[in-house]
Amino acid sequence: MRYMAILAGISLLLAVTATAGATSIRDRAEYRPSSDLALGTYAAGQGYQMPGEFQLNLEYQTGIPDAEIEAFNNYFLDKTPPELNFPDGDYYYLRVDCSGKLPIGIWDYNSDPMAQEYAPDSEEDWVQWTMSYWYTSGGQDYLHTVLAGDIVTSGSDSFLRVLPSTGFRSFVGDATANYVEVFEGETVLSEVLGYHTSQTCSDLMAGTATGTLEAELVPEPVTLAGLMLGIGCLARYVRKRR
């Protein structure tokens, strides 16, 4: 029974300490969690169109001013009614290939003429899914990939894992893209670990999948105060059981 008490105490500790730290994006009243993704119409060569707006947050991180992170996360919050920070979901497509080797596009719209480039990890074996912005100009299609990763299967669950972990692949310059999405093409940390779905990889690849991809977010930072409170609760609980 003592082991059960310890396990219960650990669970209590985790519950108590799962609160946002002082440097968390979740501390702000404006915080809206990164949203699930609905699977819309399927287009061959592009994938599933996102039928509506969605939210994708960046985390505070070294090298990027907090104000720029907040501008990204809060984009279109001032609209009436408020919109999520990607209101143009119909330009974004989820593409799946269970064999991997999908392209990871970089749309260089600053060049003249515009150029379609690709990331160094484009078409690697692990690139089984991508989320990309598609744009057509002069009969030419361009894509810029904002998320990419592999697919991990566990039972009936398929997990579209973001690689590198939580990496949002930003746009290359302030031109056609919204200014808040531009971090000079760098891969920056988001709060999205990946997306869960009960659809199989084969269903997703075939274009027959329906429903919603459920976002899995990074755990909230642990505060020191919460940690000490949790340890105290655990110690008192175990003492009472002796």
C-alpha atoms as a PDB file:
ATOM      1  CA  MET A   1       0.000   0.000   0.000  1.00  0.00           C
ATOM      2  CA  ARG A   2       2.941   2.325   0.622  1.00  0.00           C
ATOM      3  CA  TYR A   3       3.851   2.123  -3.061  1.00  0.00           C
ATOM      4  CA  MET A   4       0.292   3.087  -3.972  1.00  0.00           C
ATOM      5  CA  ALA A   5       0.563   6.055  -1.646  1.00  0.00           C
ATOM      6  CA  ILE A   6       3.794   7.148  -3.276  1.00  0.00           C
ATOM      7  CA  LEU A   7       2.251   6.822  -6.726  1.00  0.00           C
ATOM      8  CA  ALA A   8      -0.745   8.840  -5.610  1.00  0.00           C
ATOM      9  CA  GLY A   9       1.577  11.457  -4.204  1.00  0.00           C
ATOM     10  CA  ILE A  10       3.530  11.632  -7.441  1.00  0.00           C
ATOM     11  CA  SER A  11       0.280  12.100  -9.358  1.00  0.00           C
ATOM     12  CA  LEU A  12      -0.648  14.893  -6.961  1.00  0.00           C
ATOM     13  CA  LEU A  13       2.778  16.445  -7.452  1.00  0.00           C
ATOM     14  CA  LEU A  14       2.394  16.407 -11.214  1.00  0.00           C
ATOM     15  CA  ALA A  15      -1.089  17.876 -11.016  1.00  0.00           C
ATOM     16  CA  VAL A  16       0.025  20.669  -8.706  1.00  0.00           C
ATOM     17  CA  THR A  17       3.128  21.570 -10.686  1.00  0.00           C
ATOM     18  CA  ALA A  18       1.492  21.531 -14.122  1.00  0.00           C
ATOM     19  CA  THR A  19       1.014  25.308 -14.046  1.00  0.00           C
ATOM     20  CA  ALA A  20       2.443  28.005 -16.235  1.00  0.00           C
ATOM     21  CA  GLY A  21       5.719  29.611 -15.212  1.00  0.00           C
ATOM     22  CA  ALA A  22       6.501  33.297 -15.186  1.00  0.00           C
ATOM     23  CA  THR A  23       7.901  33.099 -18.700  1.00  0.00           C
ATOM     24  CA  SER A  24       5.025  31.144 -20.225  1.00  0.00           C
ATOM     25  CA  ILE A  25       2.851  32.360 -23.084  1.00  0.00           C
ATOM     26  CA  ARG A  26      -0.019  30.884 -21.047  1.00  0.00           C
ATOM     27  CA  ASP A  27       0.347  33.577 -18.376  1.00  0.00           C
ATOM     28  CA  ARG A  28      -1.212  36.158 -20.659  1.00  0.00           C
ATOM     29  CA  ALA A  29      -4.937  36.894 -20.681  1.00  0.00           C
ATOM     30  CA  GLU A  30      -4.779  36.870 -24.495  1.00  0.00           C
ATOM     31  CA  TYR A  31      -3.594  33.251 -24.636  1.00  0.00           C
ATOM     32  CA  ARG A  32      -5.605  30.974 -26.934  1.00  0.00           C
ATOM     33  CA  PRO A  33      -4.355  27.358 -27.162  1.00  0.00           C
ATOM     34  CA  SER A  34      -3.132  26.102 -30.505  1.00  0.00           C
ATOM     35  CA  SER A  35      -6.188  24.551 -32.098  1.00  0.00           C
ATOM     36  CA  ASP A  36      -7.116  21.219 -33.605  1.00  0.00           C
ATOM     37  CA  LEU A  37      -7.130  20.952 -37.402  1.00  0.00           C
ATOM     38  CA  ALA A  38     -10.193  20.004 -39.422  1.00  0.00           C
ATOM     39  CA  LEU A  39      -9.661  17.949 -42.571  1.00  0.00           C
ATOM     40  CA  GLY A  40     -11.300  19.664 -45.512  1.00  0.00           C
ATOM     41  CA  THR A  41     -11.503  18.970 -49.238  1.00  0.00           C
ATOM     42  CA  TYR A  42      -8.723  16.791 -50.651  1.00  0.00           C
ATOM     43  CA  ALA A  43      -6.740  18.020 -53.674  1.00  0.00           C
ATOM     44  CA  ALA A  44      -4.326  15.674 -55.433  1.00  0.00           C
ATOM     45  CA  GLY A  45      -0.733  16.871 -55.144  1.00  0.00           C
ATOM     46  CA  GLN A  46      -1.541  19.287 -52.337  1.00  0.00           C
ATOM     47  CA  GLY A  47      -3.498  17.339 -49.724  1.00  0.00           C
ATOM     48  CA  TYR A  48      -6.330  18.284 -47.381  1.00  0.00           C
ATOM     49  CA  GLN A  49      -7.338  21.908 -47.447  1.00  0.00           C
ATOM     50  CA  MET A  50      -7.851  23.492 -44.051  1.00  0.00           C
ATOM     51  CA  PRO A  51     -11.484  24.626 -44.300  1.00  0.00           C
ATOM     52  CA  GLY A  52     -11.263  27.404 -41.723  1.00  0.00           C
ATOM     53  CA  GLU A  53      -9.128  29.421 -39.361  1.00  0.00           C
ATOM     54  CA  PHE A  54      -6.753  27.798 -36.897  1.00  0.00           C
ATOM     55  CA  GLN A  55      -4.438  28.856 -34.062  1.00  0.00           C
ATOM     56  CA  LEU A  56      -0.740  28.000 -33.885  1.00  0.00           C
ATOM     57  CA  ASN A  57       1.267  29.581 -31.065  1.00  0.00           C
ATOM     58  CA  LEU A  58       4.980  30.151 -30.697  1.00  0.00           C
ATOM     59  CA  GLU A  59       6.740  29.784 -27.343  1.00  0.00           C
ATOM     60  CA  TYR A  60       8.932  32.437 -25.743  1.00  0.00           C
ATOM     61  CA  GLN A  61      12.505  31.584 -26.713  1.00  0.00           C
ATOM     62  CA  THR A  62      16.055  32.855 -26.682  1.00  0.00           C
ATOM     63  CA  GLY A  63      16.951  35.177 -29.533  1.00  0.00           C
ATOM     64  CA  ILE A  64      13.417  36.406 -30.292  1.00  0.00           C
ATOM     65  CA  PRO A  65      11.879  39.351 -28.393  1.00  0.00           C
ATOM     66  CA  ASP A  66       8.774  38.393 -26.427  1.00  0.00           C
ATOM     67  CA  ALA A  67       6.882  41.178 -28.211  1.00  0.00           C
ATOM     68  CA  GLU A  68       7.400  39.433 -31.569  1.00  0.00           C
ATOM     69  CA  ILE A  69       6.123  36.132 -30.146  1.00  0.00           C
ATOM     70  CA  GLU A  70       3.082  37.919 -28.746  1.00  0.00           C
ATOM     71  CA  ALA A  71       2.414  39.685 -32.061  1.00  0.00           C
ATOM     72  CA  PHE A  72       2.391  36.288 -33.805  1.00  0.00           C
ATOM     73  CA  ASN A  73       0.166  34.576 -31.217  1.00  0.00           C
ATOM     74  CA  ASN A  74      -2.261  37.513 -30.971  1.00  0.00           C
ATOM     75  CA  TYR A  75      -2.574  38.197 -34.697  1.00  0.00           C
ATOM     76  CA  PHE A  76      -6.172  39.108 -35.616  1.00  0.00           C
ATOM     77  CA  LEU A  77      -7.198  38.993 -31.940  1.00  0.00           C
ATOM     78  CA  ASP A  78      -8.341  42.612 -32.311  1.00  0.00           C
ATOM     79  CA  LYS A  79     -10.847  41.766 -35.025  1.00  0.00           C
ATOM     80  CA  THR A  80     -14.601  41.930 -34.329  1.00  0.00           C
ATOM     81  CA  PRO A  81     -15.324  39.140 -33.672  1.00  0.00           C
ATOM     82  CA  PRO A  82     -11.767  38.001 -32.819  1.00  0.00           C
ATOM     83  CA  GLU A  83     -10.143  35.647 -35.315  1.00  0.00           C
ATOM     84  CA  LEU A  84      -7.515  32.974 -34.763  1.00  0.00           C
ATOM     85  CA  ASN A  85      -4.009  33.851 -35.900  1.00  0.00           C
ATOM     86  CA  PHE A  86      -4.276  31.836 -39.138  1.00  0.00           C
ATOM     87  CA  PRO A  87      -7.608  33.065 -40.556  1.00  0.00           C
ATOM     88  CA  ASP A  88      -6.558  32.073 -44.100  1.00  0.00           C
ATOM     89  CA  GLY A  89      -6.701  28.326 -43.486  1.00  0.00           C
ATOM     90  CA  ASP A  90      -7.988  27.727 -46.999  1.00  0.00           C
ATOM     91  CA  TYR A  91      -4.468  28.476 -48.318  1.00  0.00           C
ATOM     92  CA  TYR A  92      -2.953  25.705 -46.170  1.00  0.00           C
ATOM     93  CA  TYR A  93      -2.897  22.014 -47.096  1.00  0.00           C
ATOM     94  CA  LEU A  94      -1.987  18.884 -45.143  1.00  0.00           C
ATOM     95  CA  ARG A  95      -0.134  16.385 -47.336  1.00  0.00           C
ATOM     96  CA  VAL A  96       0.639  12.777 -46.331  1.00  0.00           C
ATOM     97  CA  ASP A  97       2.854  10.080 -47.850  1.00  0.00           C
ATOM     98  CA  CYS A  98       3.445   6.991 -45.723  1.00  0.00           C
ATOM     99  CA  SER A  99       6.654   6.266 -47.655  1.00  0.00           C
ATOM    100  CA  GLY A 100       8.131   9.624 -46.673  1.00  0.00           C
ATOM    101  CA  LYS A 101      10.307  11.815 -48.872  1.00  0.00           C
ATOM    102  CA  LEU A 102       7.803  14.659 -49.153  1.00  0.00           C
ATOM    103  CA  PRO A 103       9.178  18.032 -50.253  1.00  0.00           C
ATOM    104  CA  ILE A 104       9.570  20.793 -47.646  1.00  0.00           C
ATOM    105  CA  GLY A 105       9.054  23.957 -49.621  1.00  0.00           C
ATOM    106  CA  ILE A 106      10.531  27.419 -49.116  1.00  0.00           C
ATOM    107  CA  TRP A 107       8.740  30.101 -51.095  1.00  0.00           C
ATOM    108  CA  ASP A 108      11.243  32.858 -51.849  1.00  0.00           C
ATOM    109  CA  TYR A 109       8.868  35.615 -52.891  1.00  0.00           C
ATOM    110  CA  ASN A 110      11.578  38.284 -52.421  1.00  0.00           C
ATOM    111  CA  SER A 111      13.536  37.080 -55.449  1.00  0.00           C
ATOM    112  CA  ASP A 112      12.829  38.384 -58.939  1.00  0.00           C
ATOM    113  CA  PRO A 113      11.349  36.319 -60.401  1.00  0.00           C
ATOM    114  CA  MET A 114       9.901  34.467 -57.403  1.00  0.00           C
ATOM    115  CA  ALA A 115      11.648  31.188 -56.716  1.00  0.00           C
ATOM    116  CA  GLN A 116      10.597  27.821 -55.324  1.00  0.00           C
ATOM    117  CA  GLU A 117      13.312  26.560 -53.023  1.00  0.00           C
ATOM    118  CA  TYR A 118      13.494  23.645 -50.602  1.00  0.00           C
ATOM    119  CA  ALA A 119      14.728  23.085 -47.049  1.00  0.00           C
ATOM    120  CA  PRO A 120      17.938  21.085 -46.426  1.00  0.00           C
ATOM    121  CA  ASP A 121      15.853  18.264 -44.919  1.00  0.00           C
ATOM    122  CA  SER A 122      13.376  18.198 -47.803  1.00  0.00           C
ATOM    123  CA  GLU A 123      12.552  14.715 -49.127  1.00  0.00           C
ATOM    124  CA  GLU A 124      14.237  12.931 -46.219  1.00  0.00           C
ATOM    125  CA  ASP A 125      12.848   9.448 -45.490  1.00  0.00           C
ATOM    126  CA  TRP A 126      11.053  10.670 -42.348  1.00  0.00           C
ATOM    127  CA  VAL A 127       9.042  13.444 -44.051  1.00  0.00           C
ATOM    128  CA  GLN A 128       5.671  11.662 -44.062  1.00  0.00           C
ATOM    129  CA  TRP A 129       3.485  14.748 -43.657  1.00  0.00           C
ATOM    130  CA  THR A 130       3.679  18.462 -44.277  1.00  0.00           C
ATOM    131  CA  MET A 131       1.489  21.489 -43.684  1.00  0.00           C
ATOM    132  CA  SER A 132       2.151  24.026 -46.433  1.00  0.00           C
ATOM    133  CA  TYR A 133       0.908  27.358 -47.701  1.00  0.00           C
ATOM    134  CA  TRP A 134       0.148  27.219 -51.437  1.00  0.00           C
ATOM    135  CA  TYR A 135       0.161  30.219 -53.753  1.00  0.00           C
ATOM    136  CA  THR A 136      -0.319  30.449 -57.524  1.00  0.00           C
ATOM    137  CA  SER A 137       1.139  33.242 -59.653  1.00  0.00           C
ATOM    138  CA  GLY A 138       1.475  33.366 -63.426  1.00  0.00           C
ATOM    139  CA  GLY A 139       0.353  29.753 -63.692  1.00  0.00           C
ATOM    140  CA  GLN A 140       3.143  28.638 -61.341  1.00  0.00           C
ATOM    141  CA  ASP A 141       2.430  26.974 -57.990  1.00  0.00           C
ATOM    142  CA  TYR A 142       4.573  27.845 -54.986  1.00  0.00           C
ATOM    143  CA  LEU A 143       4.537  26.208 -51.571  1.00  0.00           C
ATOM    144  CA  HIS A 144       5.964  27.173 -48.234  1.00  0.00           C
ATOM    145  CA  THR A 145       5.963  24.456 -45.573  1.00  0.00           C
ATOM    146  CA  VAL A 146       5.298  25.637 -42.021  1.00  0.00           C
ATOM    147  CA  LEU A 147       5.150  22.206 -40.317  1.00  0.00           C
ATOM    148  CA  ALA A 148       6.618  18.809 -41.228  1.00  0.00           C
ATOM    149  CA  GLY A 149       7.249  15.505 -39.518  1.00  0.00           C
ATOM    150  CA  ASP A 150       6.781  11.760 -39.345  1.00  0.00           C
ATOM    151  CA  ILE A 151       3.794   9.588 -38.394  1.00  0.00           C
ATOM    152  CA  VAL A 152       3.931   7.375 -35.316  1.00  0.00           C
ATOM    153  CA  THR A 153       1.263   4.643 -35.081  1.00  0.00           C
ATOM    154  CA  SER A 154       0.072   3.239 -31.746  1.00  0.00           C
ATOM    155  CA  GLY A 155      -2.983   0.988 -31.875  1.00  0.00           C
ATOM    156  CA  SER A 156      -5.693   2.899 -33.687  1.00  0.00           C
ATOM    157  CA  ASP A 157      -3.981   6.239 -33.117  1.00  0.00           C
ATOM    158  CA  SER A 158      -1.801   7.948 -35.702  1.00  0.00           C
ATOM    159  CA  PHE A 159       0.364  10.760 -34.330  1.00  0.00           C
ATOM    160  CA  LEU A 160       1.640  13.334 -36.793  1.00  0.00           C
ATOM    161  CA  ARG A 161       4.785  14.385 -34.944  1.00  0.00           C
ATOM    162  CA  VAL A 162       6.362  17.769 -35.659  1.00  0.00           C
ATOM    163  CA  LEU A 163      10.067  17.574 -36.553  1.00  0.00           C
ATOM    164  CA  PRO A 164      12.316  19.102 -35.497  1.00  0.00           C
ATOM    165  CA  SER A 165      10.343  18.977 -32.255  1.00  0.00           C
ATOM    166  CA  THR A 166       7.737  21.790 -32.186  1.00  0.00           C
ATOM    167  CA  GLY A 167       9.507  23.478 -35.115  1.00  0.00           C
ATOM    168  CA  PHE A 168       7.535  26.145 -37.000  1.00  0.00           C
ATOM    169  CA  ARG A 169       9.225  26.911 -40.307  1.00  0.00           C
ATOM    170  CA  SER A 170       8.817  30.637 -40.766  1.00  0.00           C
ATOM    171  CA  PHE A 171       8.529  32.638 -43.958  1.00  0.00           C
ATOM    172  CA  VAL A 172      11.638  34.219 -45.463  1.00  0.00           C
ATOM    173  CA  GLY A 173      10.737  37.906 -45.576  1.00  0.00           C
ATOM    174  CA  ASP A 174       8.072  40.549 -45.153  1.00  0.00           C
ATOM    175  CA  ALA A 175       6.382  40.674 -48.536  1.00  0.00           C
ATOM    176  CA  THR A 176       3.287  38.620 -49.305  1.00  0.00           C
ATOM    177  CA  ALA A 177       3.283  36.827 -45.933  1.00  0.00           C
ATOM    178  CA  ASN A 178       1.905  38.560 -42.851  1.00  0.00           C
ATOM    179  CA  TYR A 179       4.717  40.430 -41.124  1.00  0.00           C
ATOM    180  CA  VAL A 180       4.259  38.527 -37.867  1.00  0.00           C
ATOM    181  CA  GLU A 181       5.020  35.204 -39.608  1.00  0.00           C
ATOM    182  CA  VAL A 182       8.464  36.319 -40.736  1.00  0.00           C
ATOM    183  CA  PHE A 183      11.514  35.232 -38.774  1.00  0.00           C
ATOM    184  CA  GLU A 184      13.855  35.296 -41.784  1.00  0.00           C
ATOM    185  CA  GLY A 185      13.100  31.683 -42.636  1.00  0.00           C
ATOM    186  CA  GLU A 186      14.325  30.341 -39.299  1.00  0.00           C
ATOM    187  CA  THR A 187      12.702  27.327 -37.644  1.00  0.00           C
ATOM    188  CA  VAL A 188      11.298  28.586 -34.337  1.00  0.00           C
ATOM    189  CA  LEU A 189       9.722  26.807 -31.378  1.00  0.00           C
ATOM    190  CA  SER A 190       5.951  26.423 -31.297  1.00  0.00           C
ATOM    191  CA  GLU A 191       3.795  24.817 -28.614  1.00  0.00           C
ATOM    192  CA  VAL A 192       2.627  21.987 -30.907  1.00  0.00           C
ATOM    193  CA  LEU A 193       4.216  18.557 -30.485  1.00  0.00           C
ATOM    194  CA  GLY A 194       1.972  17.100 -33.170  1.00  0.00           C
ATOM    195  CA  TYR A 195      -1.561  16.005 -34.021  1.00  0.00           C
ATOM    196  CA  HIS A 196      -3.516  12.849 -33.149  1.00  0.00           C
ATOM    197  CA  THR A 197      -6.071  11.154 -35.380  1.00  0.00           C
ATOM    198  CA  SER A 198      -7.867   7.814 -35.389  1.00  0.00           C
ATOM    199  CA  GLN A 199      -7.368   7.636 -39.159  1.00  0.00           C
ATOM    200  CA  THR A 200      -4.672   5.316 -40.484  1.00  0.00           C
ATOM    201  CA  CYS A 201      -1.725   6.635 -42.456  1.00  0.00           C
ATOM    202  CA  SER A 202      -3.100   4.834 -45.518  1.00  0.00           C
ATOM    203  CA  ASP A 203      -6.477   6.573 -45.152  1.00  0.00           C
ATOM    204  CA  LEU A 204      -4.777   9.944 -44.794  1.00  0.00           C
ATOM    205  CA  MET A 205      -2.595   9.276 -47.832  1.00  0.00           C
ATOM    206  CA  ALA A 206      -5.542   8.087 -49.936  1.00  0.00           C
ATOM    207  CA  GLY A 207      -7.421  11.319 -49.364  1.00  0.00           C
ATOM    208  CA  THR A 208     -10.406   9.540 -47.816  1.00  0.00           C
ATOM    209  CA  ALA A 209      -9.872  10.601 -44.194  1.00  0.00           C
ATOM    210  CA  THR A 210     -12.359  12.833 -42.424  1.00  0.00           C
ATOM    211  CA  GLY A 211     -12.711  14.492 -39.062  1.00  0.00           C
ATOM    212  CA  THR A 212     -10.294  16.424 -36.886  1.00  0.00           C
ATOM    213  CA  LEU A 213      -6.625  16.206 -36.004  1.00  0.00           C
ATOM    214  CA  GLU A 214      -6.306  16.817 -32.257  1.00  0.00           C
ATOM    215  CA  ALA A 215      -3.375  19.009 -31.272  1.00  0.00           C
ATOM    216  CA  GLU A 216      -0.972  17.781 -28.578  1.00  0.00           C
ATOM    217  CA  LEU A 217       0.741  20.708 -26.897  1.00  0.00           C
ATOM    218  CA  VAL A 218       3.957  20.918 -24.920  1.00  0.00           C
ATOM    219  CA  PRO A 219       3.424  20.613 -21.139  1.00  0.00           C
ATOM    220  CA  GLU A 220       3.154  23.884 -19.285  1.00  0.00           C
ATOM    221  CA  PRO A 221       6.353  24.958 -17.506  1.00  0.00           C
ATOM    222  CA  VAL A 222       6.699  23.992 -13.838  1.00  0.00           C
ATOM    223  CA  THR A 223       7.042  26.827 -11.351  1.00  0.00           C
ATOM    224  CA  LEU A 224       9.413  26.572  -8.401  1.00  0.00           C
ATOM    225  CA  ALA A 225       6.612  27.460  -5.996  1.00  0.00           C
ATOM    226  CA  GLY A 226       4.414  24.736  -7.430  1.00  0.00           C
ATOM    227  CA  LEU A 227       7.263  22.252  -7.227  1.00  0.00           C
ATOM    228  CA  MET A 228       7.919  22.999  -3.541  1.00  0.00           C
ATOM    229  CA  LEU A 229       4.202  22.821  -2.735  1.00  0.00           C
ATOM    230  CA  GLY A 230       3.943  19.496  -4.539  1.00  0.00           C
ATOM    231  CA  ILE A 231       6.945  18.050  -2.688  1.00  0.00           C
ATOM    232  CA  GLY A 232       5.460  19.192   0.630  1.00  0.00           C
ATOM    233  CA  CYS A 233       2.118  17.557  -0.165  1.00  0.00           C
ATOM    234  CA  LEU A 234       3.872  14.350  -1.147  1.00  0.00           C
ATOM    235  CA  ALA A 235       5.954  14.266   2.069  1.00  0.00           C
ATOM    236  CA  ARG A 236       2.929  14.866   4.309  1.00  0.00           C
ATOM    237  CA  TYR A 237       0.886  12.249   2.468  1.00  0.00           C
ATOM    238  CA  VAL A 238       3.551   9.570   2.823  1.00  0.00           C
ATOM    239  CA  ARG A 239       4.115  10.412   6.514  1.00  0.00           C
ATOM    240  CA  LYS A 240       0.420   9.938   7.270  1.00  0.00           C
ATOM    241  CA  ARG A 241       0.494   6.480   5.717  1.00  0.00           C
ATOM    242  CA  ARG A 242       3.326   5.214   7.898  1.00  0.00           C
END
